[in-house]
N, C-alpha and C. Protein backbone atom coordinates (compact mmCIF):
# COMPACT_ATOMS: atom_id res chain seq x y z
N UNK A 1 231.40 125.85 19.37
CA UNK A 1 230.12 126.59 19.86
C UNK A 1 229.10 126.38 18.86
N UNK A 2 228.03 126.03 19.02
CA UNK A 2 226.69 125.91 18.01
C UNK A 2 225.69 126.78 18.61
N UNK A 3 224.65 127.16 17.53
CA UNK A 3 223.67 128.08 17.80
C UNK A 3 222.70 127.21 18.66
N UNK A 4 221.85 127.88 19.55
CA UNK A 4 220.84 127.23 20.15
C UNK A 4 219.59 127.29 19.57
N UNK A 5 218.66 126.22 19.55
CA UNK A 5 217.53 126.05 18.86
C UNK A 5 216.20 126.12 19.87
N UNK A 6 216.58 126.50 21.12
CA UNK A 6 215.40 126.30 22.05
C UNK A 6 214.51 127.41 21.84
N UNK A 7 213.41 127.09 22.40
CA UNK A 7 212.24 128.32 22.32
C UNK A 7 212.57 129.10 23.41
N UNK A 8 212.10 130.38 23.37
CA UNK A 8 212.52 131.37 24.43
C UNK A 8 212.07 130.90 25.81
N UNK A 9 210.83 130.30 25.94
CA UNK A 9 210.36 129.96 27.35
C UNK A 9 211.35 128.81 27.87
N UNK A 10 211.51 127.82 27.16
CA UNK A 10 212.18 126.72 27.64
C UNK A 10 213.67 127.21 27.93
N UNK A 11 214.23 127.93 27.03
CA UNK A 11 215.45 128.63 27.08
C UNK A 11 215.75 129.31 28.47
N UNK A 12 214.86 130.01 28.94
CA UNK A 12 214.91 130.66 30.15
C UNK A 12 214.67 129.73 31.40
N UNK A 13 213.71 128.79 31.27
CA UNK A 13 213.37 127.82 32.42
C UNK A 13 214.79 127.09 32.61
N UNK A 14 215.56 126.60 31.38
CA UNK A 14 216.75 125.91 31.54
C UNK A 14 217.76 126.66 32.26
N UNK A 15 217.91 128.14 32.09
CA UNK A 15 218.82 128.88 32.61
C UNK A 15 218.42 128.94 34.04
N UNK A 16 217.26 129.02 34.55
CA UNK A 16 216.76 129.36 35.93
C UNK A 16 217.11 127.91 36.65
N UNK A 17 216.97 126.87 36.06
CA UNK A 17 217.16 125.51 36.71
C UNK A 17 218.57 125.41 36.97
N UNK A 18 219.45 125.80 35.81
CA UNK A 18 220.79 125.92 36.05
C UNK A 18 221.39 126.37 37.25
N UNK A 19 220.93 127.81 37.29
CA UNK A 19 221.35 128.80 38.34
C UNK A 19 221.11 128.05 39.74
N UNK A 20 219.62 127.65 39.95
CA UNK A 20 219.28 127.23 41.23
C UNK A 20 219.88 126.06 41.67
N UNK A 21 220.30 125.12 40.73
CA UNK A 21 220.83 123.95 41.03
C UNK A 21 222.42 124.13 41.42
N UNK A 22 222.98 125.12 40.79
CA UNK A 22 224.41 125.49 41.05
C UNK A 22 224.49 126.26 42.35
N UNK A 23 223.55 127.09 42.66
CA UNK A 23 223.65 127.84 43.91
C UNK A 23 223.27 126.88 45.14
N UNK A 24 222.39 126.13 44.98
CA UNK A 24 222.11 125.19 45.84
C UNK A 24 223.29 124.10 46.56
N UNK A 25 224.18 124.09 45.52
CA UNK A 25 225.51 123.02 45.68
C UNK A 25 226.51 123.95 46.48
N UNK A 26 226.45 125.35 46.59
CA UNK A 26 227.56 126.10 46.94
C UNK A 26 227.12 126.66 48.42
N UNK A 27 228.03 126.32 49.46
CA UNK A 27 227.88 127.05 50.74
C UNK A 27 228.12 128.53 50.64
N UNK A 28 227.17 129.26 51.17
CA UNK A 28 227.47 130.65 51.00
C UNK A 28 228.14 131.22 52.21
N UNK A 29 229.48 131.07 52.25
CA UNK A 29 230.38 131.58 53.40
C UNK A 29 231.59 131.83 52.56
N UNK A 30 232.20 132.93 53.18
CA UNK A 30 233.66 133.54 52.41
C UNK A 30 234.42 133.93 53.58
N UNK A 31 235.67 133.45 53.76
CA UNK A 31 236.46 133.83 54.84
C UNK A 31 237.99 134.30 54.24
N UNK A 32 238.78 134.93 54.88
CA UNK A 32 239.96 135.30 54.65
C UNK A 32 240.09 136.37 53.64
N UNK A 33 239.22 137.22 53.44
CA UNK A 33 239.12 138.30 52.65
C UNK A 33 239.02 139.70 53.15
N UNK A 34 239.23 140.72 52.54
CA UNK A 34 239.19 141.98 53.14
C UNK A 34 240.06 143.28 52.73
N UNK A 35 241.03 143.16 51.95
CA UNK A 35 241.83 144.08 51.54
C UNK A 35 241.21 145.16 50.59
N UNK A 36 241.67 146.45 50.67
CA UNK A 36 241.05 147.41 49.93
C UNK A 36 241.87 147.48 48.65
N UNK A 37 241.11 148.28 47.69
CA UNK A 37 241.72 148.43 46.35
C UNK A 37 242.80 149.42 46.52
N UNK A 38 243.86 149.03 45.83
CA UNK A 38 245.13 149.94 45.75
C UNK A 38 245.71 149.66 44.37
N UNK A 39 246.89 150.53 44.32
CA UNK A 39 247.81 150.21 43.08
C UNK A 39 248.83 149.04 43.53
N UNK A 40 248.79 148.56 44.65
CA UNK A 40 249.78 147.56 45.12
C UNK A 40 249.36 146.24 44.46
N UNK A 41 250.16 145.23 44.37
CA UNK A 41 249.79 143.93 43.79
C UNK A 41 249.03 143.34 44.84
N UNK A 42 247.95 142.52 44.24
CA UNK A 42 247.01 141.92 45.17
C UNK A 42 247.15 140.34 45.00
N UNK A 43 246.84 139.65 46.09
CA UNK A 43 246.88 138.18 45.92
C UNK A 43 245.75 137.54 45.20
N UNK A 44 245.61 137.71 44.09
CA UNK A 44 244.41 137.33 43.29
C UNK A 44 244.26 135.70 43.23
N UNK A 45 243.44 135.02 43.44
CA UNK A 45 243.28 133.57 43.40
C UNK A 45 242.94 132.83 42.32
N UNK A 46 241.94 133.64 41.69
CA UNK A 46 241.40 133.07 40.40
C UNK A 46 241.89 134.00 38.93
N UNK A 47 242.19 135.13 39.29
CA UNK A 47 242.62 136.11 38.25
C UNK A 47 243.95 136.28 38.15
N UNK A 48 244.50 136.69 36.78
CA UNK A 48 245.81 137.22 36.49
C UNK A 48 245.91 138.72 36.69
N UNK A 49 246.73 139.30 37.56
CA UNK A 49 246.74 140.68 37.54
C UNK A 49 247.03 141.52 36.33
N UNK A 50 246.05 142.23 36.11
CA UNK A 50 246.21 143.17 34.88
C UNK A 50 246.47 144.54 35.17
N UNK A 51 246.67 144.94 36.47
CA UNK A 51 246.83 146.35 36.77
C UNK A 51 247.89 147.20 36.06
N UNK A 52 247.56 148.30 35.60
CA UNK A 52 248.23 149.21 34.67
C UNK A 52 248.04 148.91 33.37
N UNK A 53 247.16 147.94 32.99
CA UNK A 53 246.97 147.71 31.39
C UNK A 53 245.86 148.90 30.98
N UNK A 54 244.99 149.39 31.79
CA UNK A 54 243.85 150.25 31.49
C UNK A 54 242.95 149.64 30.40
N UNK A 55 242.91 148.41 30.47
CA UNK A 55 241.85 147.63 29.70
C UNK A 55 240.23 148.05 30.01
N UNK A 56 239.55 148.40 28.88
CA UNK A 56 238.24 148.65 29.21
C UNK A 56 238.02 150.18 29.32
N UNK A 57 239.05 150.95 29.27
CA UNK A 57 239.02 152.26 29.54
C UNK A 57 238.06 153.13 28.38
N UNK A 58 237.73 152.45 27.27
CA UNK A 58 237.14 153.26 26.34
C UNK A 58 235.74 152.47 26.21
N UNK A 59 235.28 151.77 27.17
CA UNK A 59 233.89 151.20 27.12
C UNK A 59 232.90 152.34 26.81
N UNK A 60 231.95 151.93 25.83
CA UNK A 60 231.09 152.82 25.20
C UNK A 60 229.79 152.05 24.64
N UNK A 61 228.92 151.80 25.23
CA UNK A 61 227.87 150.82 25.02
C UNK A 61 226.39 151.66 25.47
N UNK A 62 225.43 151.01 25.20
CA UNK A 62 224.01 151.40 25.63
C UNK A 62 223.39 150.11 26.54
N UNK A 63 222.92 150.63 27.68
CA UNK A 63 222.09 149.72 28.57
C UNK A 63 220.94 149.15 27.91
N UNK A 64 220.15 148.28 28.47
CA UNK A 64 218.94 147.82 27.94
C UNK A 64 217.69 148.74 28.23
N UNK A 65 217.97 149.76 28.84
CA UNK A 65 217.03 150.78 28.97
C UNK A 65 217.11 152.03 28.08
N UNK A 66 218.06 152.04 27.21
CA UNK A 66 218.55 152.92 26.13
C UNK A 66 219.66 154.07 26.72
N UNK A 67 220.10 153.68 27.82
CA UNK A 67 221.17 154.92 28.39
C UNK A 67 222.35 154.55 27.92
N UNK A 68 223.14 155.58 27.59
CA UNK A 68 224.52 155.58 27.07
C UNK A 68 225.32 155.18 28.46
N UNK A 69 226.34 154.37 28.18
CA UNK A 69 227.10 153.89 29.20
C UNK A 69 228.57 153.94 28.92
N UNK A 70 229.47 154.52 29.69
CA UNK A 70 230.95 154.56 29.72
C UNK A 70 231.46 154.11 31.07
N UNK A 71 232.51 153.97 31.03
CA UNK A 71 233.21 153.72 32.14
C UNK A 71 233.18 154.56 33.46
N UNK A 72 233.04 155.76 33.38
CA UNK A 72 232.65 156.65 34.35
C UNK A 72 231.44 156.41 35.09
N UNK A 73 230.40 155.84 34.40
CA UNK A 73 229.03 155.54 34.85
C UNK A 73 229.12 154.36 36.24
N UNK A 74 230.25 153.75 36.22
CA UNK A 74 230.27 152.68 37.17
C UNK A 74 231.45 153.07 38.16
N UNK A 75 231.90 154.26 38.31
CA UNK A 75 232.68 154.55 39.31
C UNK A 75 232.12 154.44 40.71
N UNK A 76 232.87 153.87 41.50
CA UNK A 76 232.34 153.83 42.80
C UNK A 76 231.99 152.27 43.06
N UNK A 77 232.02 151.68 42.05
CA UNK A 77 231.53 150.10 42.32
C UNK A 77 232.62 149.17 41.73
N UNK A 78 232.83 148.19 42.10
CA UNK A 78 233.73 147.21 41.53
C UNK A 78 232.87 146.54 40.48
N UNK A 79 233.62 146.51 39.02
CA UNK A 79 232.91 146.10 37.74
C UNK A 79 233.47 144.73 37.52
N UNK A 80 232.49 143.71 37.01
CA UNK A 80 232.94 142.49 36.48
C UNK A 80 232.15 142.41 35.08
N UNK A 81 233.15 142.58 34.18
CA UNK A 81 232.49 142.48 32.83
C UNK A 81 232.74 141.27 32.03
N UNK A 82 231.62 140.57 31.26
CA UNK A 82 231.70 139.47 30.48
C UNK A 82 231.32 139.80 29.13
N UNK A 83 231.96 139.30 28.22
CA UNK A 83 231.52 139.48 26.73
C UNK A 83 230.73 137.92 26.38
N UNK A 84 229.68 138.28 25.84
CA UNK A 84 228.85 136.84 25.56
C UNK A 84 227.65 137.16 24.77
N UNK A 85 226.61 136.07 24.65
CA UNK A 85 225.25 136.45 23.95
C UNK A 85 224.36 135.32 24.44
N UNK A 86 223.11 135.82 24.22
CA UNK A 86 222.19 135.03 24.72
C UNK A 86 221.78 133.80 24.25
N UNK A 87 222.15 133.50 23.09
CA UNK A 87 222.01 132.10 22.40
C UNK A 87 223.05 131.18 22.38
N UNK A 88 224.22 131.61 23.17
CA UNK A 88 225.27 130.92 23.78
C UNK A 88 224.62 129.56 24.28
N UNK A 89 224.94 128.20 23.96
CA UNK A 89 224.33 127.15 24.46
C UNK A 89 225.05 126.61 25.78
N UNK A 90 226.21 126.91 26.01
CA UNK A 90 226.88 126.44 27.12
C UNK A 90 227.73 127.40 27.88
N UNK A 91 228.76 127.89 27.34
CA UNK A 91 229.84 128.56 28.03
C UNK A 91 229.19 129.85 28.66
N UNK A 92 228.41 130.66 28.29
CA UNK A 92 227.86 131.92 28.59
C UNK A 92 226.89 131.63 29.94
N UNK A 93 225.92 130.68 29.72
CA UNK A 93 225.25 130.38 30.93
C UNK A 93 225.83 130.14 32.08
N UNK A 94 226.97 129.09 31.76
CA UNK A 94 227.44 128.50 32.66
C UNK A 94 228.46 129.65 33.49
N UNK A 95 228.99 130.71 32.79
CA UNK A 95 230.01 131.62 33.36
C UNK A 95 228.78 132.60 34.16
N UNK A 96 227.82 132.92 33.51
CA UNK A 96 226.89 134.02 34.20
C UNK A 96 226.37 133.31 35.65
N UNK A 97 226.01 131.92 35.48
CA UNK A 97 225.46 131.33 36.82
C UNK A 97 226.65 131.55 37.80
N UNK A 98 228.09 131.37 37.27
CA UNK A 98 229.03 131.38 38.36
C UNK A 98 229.27 132.66 38.90
N UNK A 99 228.96 133.68 38.01
CA UNK A 99 228.90 135.05 38.59
C UNK A 99 227.98 135.42 39.59
N UNK A 100 226.80 134.61 39.44
CA UNK A 100 225.66 134.97 40.24
C UNK A 100 225.85 134.11 41.68
N UNK A 101 226.58 133.07 41.46
CA UNK A 101 226.95 132.33 42.74
C UNK A 101 228.15 133.16 43.57
N UNK A 102 229.04 133.87 42.93
CA UNK A 102 229.91 134.62 43.54
C UNK A 102 229.37 135.63 44.25
N UNK A 103 228.24 136.53 43.65
CA UNK A 103 227.37 137.47 44.17
C UNK A 103 226.56 136.93 45.63
N UNK A 104 226.15 135.72 45.51
CA UNK A 104 225.56 135.32 46.64
C UNK A 104 226.65 135.07 47.80
N UNK A 105 227.68 134.62 47.42
CA UNK A 105 228.88 134.47 48.49
C UNK A 105 229.25 135.88 48.98
N UNK A 106 229.16 136.75 48.34
CA UNK A 106 229.50 138.26 48.87
C UNK A 106 228.48 138.76 49.81
N UNK A 107 227.42 138.22 49.64
CA UNK A 107 226.31 138.48 50.56
C UNK A 107 226.12 140.14 50.44
N UNK A 108 225.84 141.02 51.53
CA UNK A 108 225.52 142.21 51.38
C UNK A 108 226.38 143.14 50.64
N UNK A 109 227.82 142.54 50.47
CA UNK A 109 228.63 143.49 49.70
C UNK A 109 228.59 143.45 48.24
N UNK A 110 227.71 142.63 47.81
CA UNK A 110 227.50 142.31 46.31
C UNK A 110 226.83 143.70 45.86
N UNK A 111 226.23 144.62 46.72
CA UNK A 111 225.58 145.67 46.47
C UNK A 111 226.57 146.75 45.78
N UNK A 112 227.82 146.43 46.28
CA UNK A 112 229.02 147.37 45.74
C UNK A 112 229.69 146.78 44.38
N UNK A 113 228.82 145.72 43.86
CA UNK A 113 229.66 145.12 42.69
C UNK A 113 228.53 145.34 41.55
N UNK A 114 229.06 145.58 40.41
CA UNK A 114 228.02 145.57 39.17
C UNK A 114 228.65 144.46 38.13
N UNK A 115 227.83 143.59 37.82
CA UNK A 115 228.15 142.51 36.70
C UNK A 115 227.36 143.02 35.45
N UNK A 116 228.19 143.01 34.52
CA UNK A 116 227.80 143.62 33.16
C UNK A 116 228.20 142.40 32.03
N UNK A 117 227.27 141.98 31.19
CA UNK A 117 227.59 141.33 30.12
C UNK A 117 227.10 142.12 29.00
N UNK A 118 228.32 142.10 28.10
CA UNK A 118 228.11 142.94 26.91
C UNK A 118 228.03 141.93 25.77
N UNK A 119 226.71 142.10 25.18
CA UNK A 119 226.46 141.37 24.01
C UNK A 119 227.45 141.35 22.81
N UNK A 120 228.06 140.10 22.11
CA UNK A 120 228.83 140.17 20.98
C UNK A 120 227.82 139.96 19.86
N UNK A 121 226.50 139.72 20.14
CA UNK A 121 225.57 139.57 19.08
C UNK A 121 224.46 140.60 19.05
N UNK A 122 224.63 141.91 18.87
CA UNK A 122 223.51 142.88 18.93
C UNK A 122 222.47 142.72 17.96
N UNK A 123 222.83 142.04 16.79
CA UNK A 123 221.68 141.84 15.71
C UNK A 123 220.65 141.04 16.45
N UNK A 124 220.73 140.09 17.33
CA UNK A 124 219.84 139.15 17.59
C UNK A 124 219.20 139.65 19.15
N UNK A 125 220.46 139.98 19.95
CA UNK A 125 220.04 140.39 21.39
C UNK A 125 219.57 141.72 21.63
N UNK A 126 218.27 141.73 21.38
CA UNK A 126 217.51 142.98 21.38
C UNK A 126 217.52 143.56 23.06
N UNK A 127 217.40 144.76 23.30
CA UNK A 127 217.42 145.18 24.82
C UNK A 127 216.37 144.30 25.55
N UNK A 128 215.33 143.99 25.24
CA UNK A 128 214.21 143.15 25.91
C UNK A 128 214.99 141.63 26.11
N UNK A 129 215.37 141.17 25.10
CA UNK A 129 215.93 139.74 25.30
C UNK A 129 217.17 139.68 26.09
N UNK A 130 218.01 140.86 25.78
CA UNK A 130 219.25 140.81 26.85
C UNK A 130 218.88 140.90 28.32
N UNK A 131 218.05 141.82 28.49
CA UNK A 131 217.63 142.22 29.85
C UNK A 131 217.11 140.98 30.60
N UNK A 132 216.26 140.17 29.78
CA UNK A 132 215.65 139.12 30.42
C UNK A 132 216.63 138.06 30.76
N UNK A 133 217.59 137.85 29.72
CA UNK A 133 218.68 136.85 30.02
C UNK A 133 219.37 137.01 31.14
N UNK A 134 220.05 138.34 31.26
CA UNK A 134 220.85 138.57 32.38
C UNK A 134 220.29 138.68 33.81
N UNK A 135 219.03 139.14 33.73
CA UNK A 135 218.38 139.07 34.99
C UNK A 135 217.59 137.72 35.49
N UNK A 136 217.69 136.82 34.58
CA UNK A 136 217.34 135.41 34.82
C UNK A 136 218.34 134.92 35.88
N UNK A 137 219.67 135.33 35.85
CA UNK A 137 220.80 135.04 36.92
C UNK A 137 220.84 135.89 38.02
N UNK A 138 220.50 137.11 37.94
CA UNK A 138 220.46 137.87 39.00
C UNK A 138 219.82 139.14 38.60
N UNK A 139 218.89 139.61 39.41
CA UNK A 139 217.99 140.98 39.04
C UNK A 139 218.97 142.10 38.77
N UNK A 140 220.21 142.19 39.73
CA UNK A 140 221.17 143.27 39.57
C UNK A 140 222.01 143.25 38.18
N UNK A 141 222.06 142.14 37.67
CA UNK A 141 222.98 142.27 36.48
C UNK A 141 222.55 143.04 35.51
N UNK A 142 223.64 143.64 34.63
CA UNK A 142 223.28 144.52 33.60
C UNK A 142 223.49 144.04 32.19
N UNK A 143 222.99 144.16 31.16
CA UNK A 143 223.18 143.91 29.90
C UNK A 143 223.50 145.17 29.07
N UNK A 144 224.60 145.10 28.21
CA UNK A 144 224.97 146.20 27.34
C UNK A 144 225.03 145.90 26.05
N UNK A 145 224.51 146.57 25.25
CA UNK A 145 224.60 146.33 23.70
C UNK A 145 224.64 147.58 23.02
N UNK A 146 224.68 147.76 21.65
CA UNK A 146 225.07 149.06 20.97
C UNK A 146 225.16 148.59 19.42
N UNK A 147 225.71 149.67 18.64
CA UNK A 147 225.90 149.26 17.26
C UNK A 147 227.12 148.37 17.16
N UNK A 148 227.54 147.94 15.76
CA UNK A 148 228.67 147.11 15.62
C UNK A 148 229.80 148.12 15.84
N UNK A 149 229.70 149.37 15.60
CA UNK A 149 230.88 150.10 15.86
C UNK A 149 231.18 150.37 17.22
N UNK A 150 230.23 150.43 18.08
CA UNK A 150 230.27 150.67 19.43
C UNK A 150 231.08 149.30 20.21
N UNK A 151 230.59 148.17 19.63
CA UNK A 151 230.87 146.98 20.22
C UNK A 151 232.47 146.75 19.72
N UNK A 152 232.68 146.78 18.52
CA UNK A 152 234.15 146.84 17.95
C UNK A 152 234.98 147.61 18.76
N UNK A 153 234.65 148.87 19.11
CA UNK A 153 235.51 149.90 19.83
C UNK A 153 235.75 149.45 21.32
N UNK A 154 234.74 148.98 22.04
CA UNK A 154 234.50 148.44 23.29
C UNK A 154 235.39 147.15 23.33
N UNK A 155 234.96 146.30 22.58
CA UNK A 155 235.97 145.00 22.54
C UNK A 155 237.45 145.54 22.36
N UNK A 156 237.78 146.14 21.48
CA UNK A 156 239.16 146.33 21.22
C UNK A 156 239.82 147.00 22.61
N UNK A 157 239.08 147.79 23.09
CA UNK A 157 239.56 148.41 24.46
C UNK A 157 239.89 147.36 25.45
N UNK A 158 238.92 146.40 25.62
CA UNK A 158 239.31 145.29 26.52
C UNK A 158 240.21 144.12 26.08
N UNK A 159 240.64 144.29 24.51
CA UNK A 159 241.48 143.26 24.06
C UNK A 159 240.46 142.17 24.07
N UNK A 160 239.24 141.99 23.93
CA UNK A 160 238.35 140.98 23.72
C UNK A 160 238.37 140.71 22.27
N UNK A 161 238.08 139.36 21.93
CA UNK A 161 237.88 138.81 20.51
C UNK A 161 236.59 138.26 20.45
N UNK A 162 235.97 138.71 19.17
CA UNK A 162 234.71 137.71 18.87
C UNK A 162 234.38 137.65 17.36
N UNK A 163 233.77 136.56 16.72
CA UNK A 163 233.69 136.36 15.37
C UNK A 163 232.51 135.73 15.30
N UNK A 164 231.78 135.72 14.06
CA UNK A 164 230.52 134.77 13.52
C UNK A 164 231.05 133.73 12.95
N UNK A 165 230.26 132.65 13.40
CA UNK A 165 230.54 131.21 12.84
C UNK A 165 229.35 130.90 12.16
N UNK A 166 229.25 131.14 10.72
CA UNK A 166 227.92 130.92 10.09
C UNK A 166 227.37 129.32 10.44
N UNK A 167 226.02 129.33 10.37
CA UNK A 167 225.31 128.31 10.21
C UNK A 167 224.57 127.78 9.07
N UNK A 168 223.47 127.07 9.20
CA UNK A 168 222.71 126.63 8.10
C UNK A 168 221.78 127.64 7.29
N UNK A 169 221.41 128.59 8.08
CA UNK A 169 220.48 129.86 7.76
C UNK A 169 221.33 131.21 8.10
N UNK A 170 220.84 132.27 7.54
CA UNK A 170 221.48 133.54 7.98
C UNK A 170 221.28 133.74 9.48
N UNK A 171 220.08 133.37 10.03
CA UNK A 171 219.76 133.59 11.54
C UNK A 171 220.21 132.59 12.34
N UNK A 172 220.67 131.33 11.87
CA UNK A 172 221.19 130.21 12.68
C UNK A 172 222.67 130.17 12.59
N UNK A 173 223.22 131.05 13.47
CA UNK A 173 224.71 131.21 13.53
C UNK A 173 225.24 131.13 14.98
N UNK A 174 226.40 130.91 15.29
CA UNK A 174 227.11 131.11 16.53
C UNK A 174 228.05 132.21 16.71
N UNK A 175 228.33 132.58 17.78
CA UNK A 175 229.51 133.63 17.96
C UNK A 175 230.51 133.01 18.76
N UNK A 176 231.71 133.19 18.18
CA UNK A 176 232.97 132.87 18.84
C UNK A 176 233.51 134.04 19.82
N UNK A 177 233.74 133.84 21.03
CA UNK A 177 234.13 135.13 21.83
C UNK A 177 235.15 134.65 22.96
N UNK A 178 235.65 135.59 23.46
CA UNK A 178 236.52 135.53 24.59
C UNK A 178 235.65 135.27 25.80
N UNK A 179 236.05 134.29 26.56
CA UNK A 179 235.34 133.89 27.88
C UNK A 179 235.83 134.26 29.16
N UNK A 180 236.71 135.24 29.31
CA UNK A 180 237.16 135.56 30.68
C UNK A 180 236.43 136.81 30.96
N UNK A 181 236.43 136.84 32.41
CA UNK A 181 235.86 138.07 33.07
C UNK A 181 236.96 139.05 33.33
N UNK A 182 236.51 140.26 33.14
CA UNK A 182 237.50 141.33 33.38
C UNK A 182 237.00 141.92 34.73
N UNK A 183 237.96 142.07 35.76
CA UNK A 183 237.51 142.88 37.08
C UNK A 183 238.12 144.20 37.19
N UNK A 184 237.34 145.03 37.41
CA UNK A 184 237.87 146.46 37.43
C UNK A 184 237.61 146.95 38.87
N UNK A 185 238.29 147.70 39.60
CA UNK A 185 238.28 148.38 40.74
C UNK A 185 237.27 149.49 40.84
N UNK A 186 237.02 150.12 41.91
CA UNK A 186 236.05 151.22 42.15
C UNK A 186 236.33 152.45 41.43
N UNK A 187 237.61 152.60 40.98
CA UNK A 187 238.08 153.84 40.24
C UNK A 187 238.11 153.60 38.80
N UNK A 188 237.76 152.52 38.17
CA UNK A 188 237.61 152.15 36.79
C UNK A 188 238.87 151.46 36.19
N UNK A 189 239.92 151.13 37.06
CA UNK A 189 241.08 150.53 36.79
C UNK A 189 241.15 148.98 36.61
N UNK A 190 241.30 148.39 35.45
CA UNK A 190 241.56 146.94 35.34
C UNK A 190 242.59 146.45 36.20
N UNK A 191 241.99 145.45 36.97
CA UNK A 191 242.90 144.74 38.03
C UNK A 191 243.12 143.25 37.75
N UNK A 192 242.15 142.47 37.36
CA UNK A 192 242.29 141.05 37.02
C UNK A 192 241.50 140.43 36.03
N UNK A 193 242.21 139.51 35.09
CA UNK A 193 241.49 138.82 34.09
C UNK A 193 241.23 137.32 34.89
N UNK A 194 239.84 137.15 34.97
CA UNK A 194 239.51 136.02 35.60
C UNK A 194 239.10 134.80 34.53
N UNK A 195 239.56 133.60 34.69
CA UNK A 195 239.20 132.64 33.75
C UNK A 195 237.77 131.91 34.02
N UNK A 196 237.13 131.73 33.06
CA UNK A 196 235.90 131.17 33.11
C UNK A 196 235.86 129.64 33.73
N UNK A 197 237.04 129.19 33.73
CA UNK A 197 237.17 127.76 34.37
C UNK A 197 237.47 127.81 36.19
N UNK A 198 237.44 129.17 36.58
CA UNK A 198 237.66 129.17 38.01
C UNK A 198 236.27 128.74 38.84
N UNK A 199 236.28 128.89 40.14
CA UNK A 199 235.15 128.49 40.93
C UNK A 199 234.42 129.79 41.44
N UNK A 200 233.13 129.66 41.95
CA UNK A 200 232.59 130.91 42.50
C UNK A 200 233.39 131.44 43.80
N UNK A 201 233.88 130.62 44.61
CA UNK A 201 234.70 131.01 45.70
C UNK A 201 235.85 131.66 45.39
N UNK A 202 236.61 131.38 44.29
CA UNK A 202 237.89 131.98 43.90
C UNK A 202 237.44 133.44 43.41
N UNK A 203 236.30 133.50 42.39
CA UNK A 203 235.80 134.77 42.03
C UNK A 203 235.60 135.50 42.99
N UNK A 204 234.75 135.30 44.18
CA UNK A 204 234.27 136.13 45.07
C UNK A 204 235.38 136.66 45.91
N UNK A 205 236.59 135.73 46.14
CA UNK A 205 237.69 136.13 46.79
C UNK A 205 238.37 137.16 46.10
N UNK A 206 238.67 137.11 44.79
CA UNK A 206 239.11 138.30 44.05
C UNK A 206 238.41 139.52 44.01
N UNK A 207 237.08 139.38 43.99
CA UNK A 207 236.32 140.62 43.93
C UNK A 207 236.47 141.32 45.47
N UNK A 208 236.22 140.43 46.36
CA UNK A 208 236.44 141.03 47.71
C UNK A 208 237.56 141.52 47.97
N UNK A 209 238.83 141.38 47.39
CA UNK A 209 240.00 142.04 47.44
C UNK A 209 239.78 143.53 47.03
N UNK A 210 238.88 144.03 46.22
CA UNK A 210 238.84 145.24 45.79
C UNK A 210 237.78 146.01 46.51
N UNK A 211 237.03 145.32 47.35
CA UNK A 211 235.79 146.10 48.24
C UNK A 211 236.45 146.77 49.39
């Protein structure tokens, strides 16, 4: 993974084009779903069942409006969490576009889902930049940032990894990071780990199982 050298305007135009093209190619229909969240094993299609692991229970970050956020703030909604950063050249925008497509597939039920991207690059991802980035994919998406200590504690809670890959200058670096999505149910319990190599349809199916 290498650092992006795009300008801010061209960067977001590229992301909007990627999202629009991807969504146009996906039929917005979803069938065969509808189970409620429970402690019973579920037939996840895209994700590996992680029920009982309590991953993410120590989430402790700050949203782009400056509000302190913990897992308790998302109770009542299905939570889809991704670790990434705005200057990621390929994996992050592709993953976020896929999450946006999954929300399109869910239709009105997407209102009961909160997609969150936690930046692993808080030094460069200011609240303004992070907010603009996630909302390029979907206005309802939320970005979370914080201090290095907050990030380390939260990532450890999810067992997510990240590290800096130095570049030619102090500001030109890339971040290596976990690329899976964490799916938590309405009570805040971790239920599935979804690979970034899945499809929007499979992701939507797994989310639907918790609605």
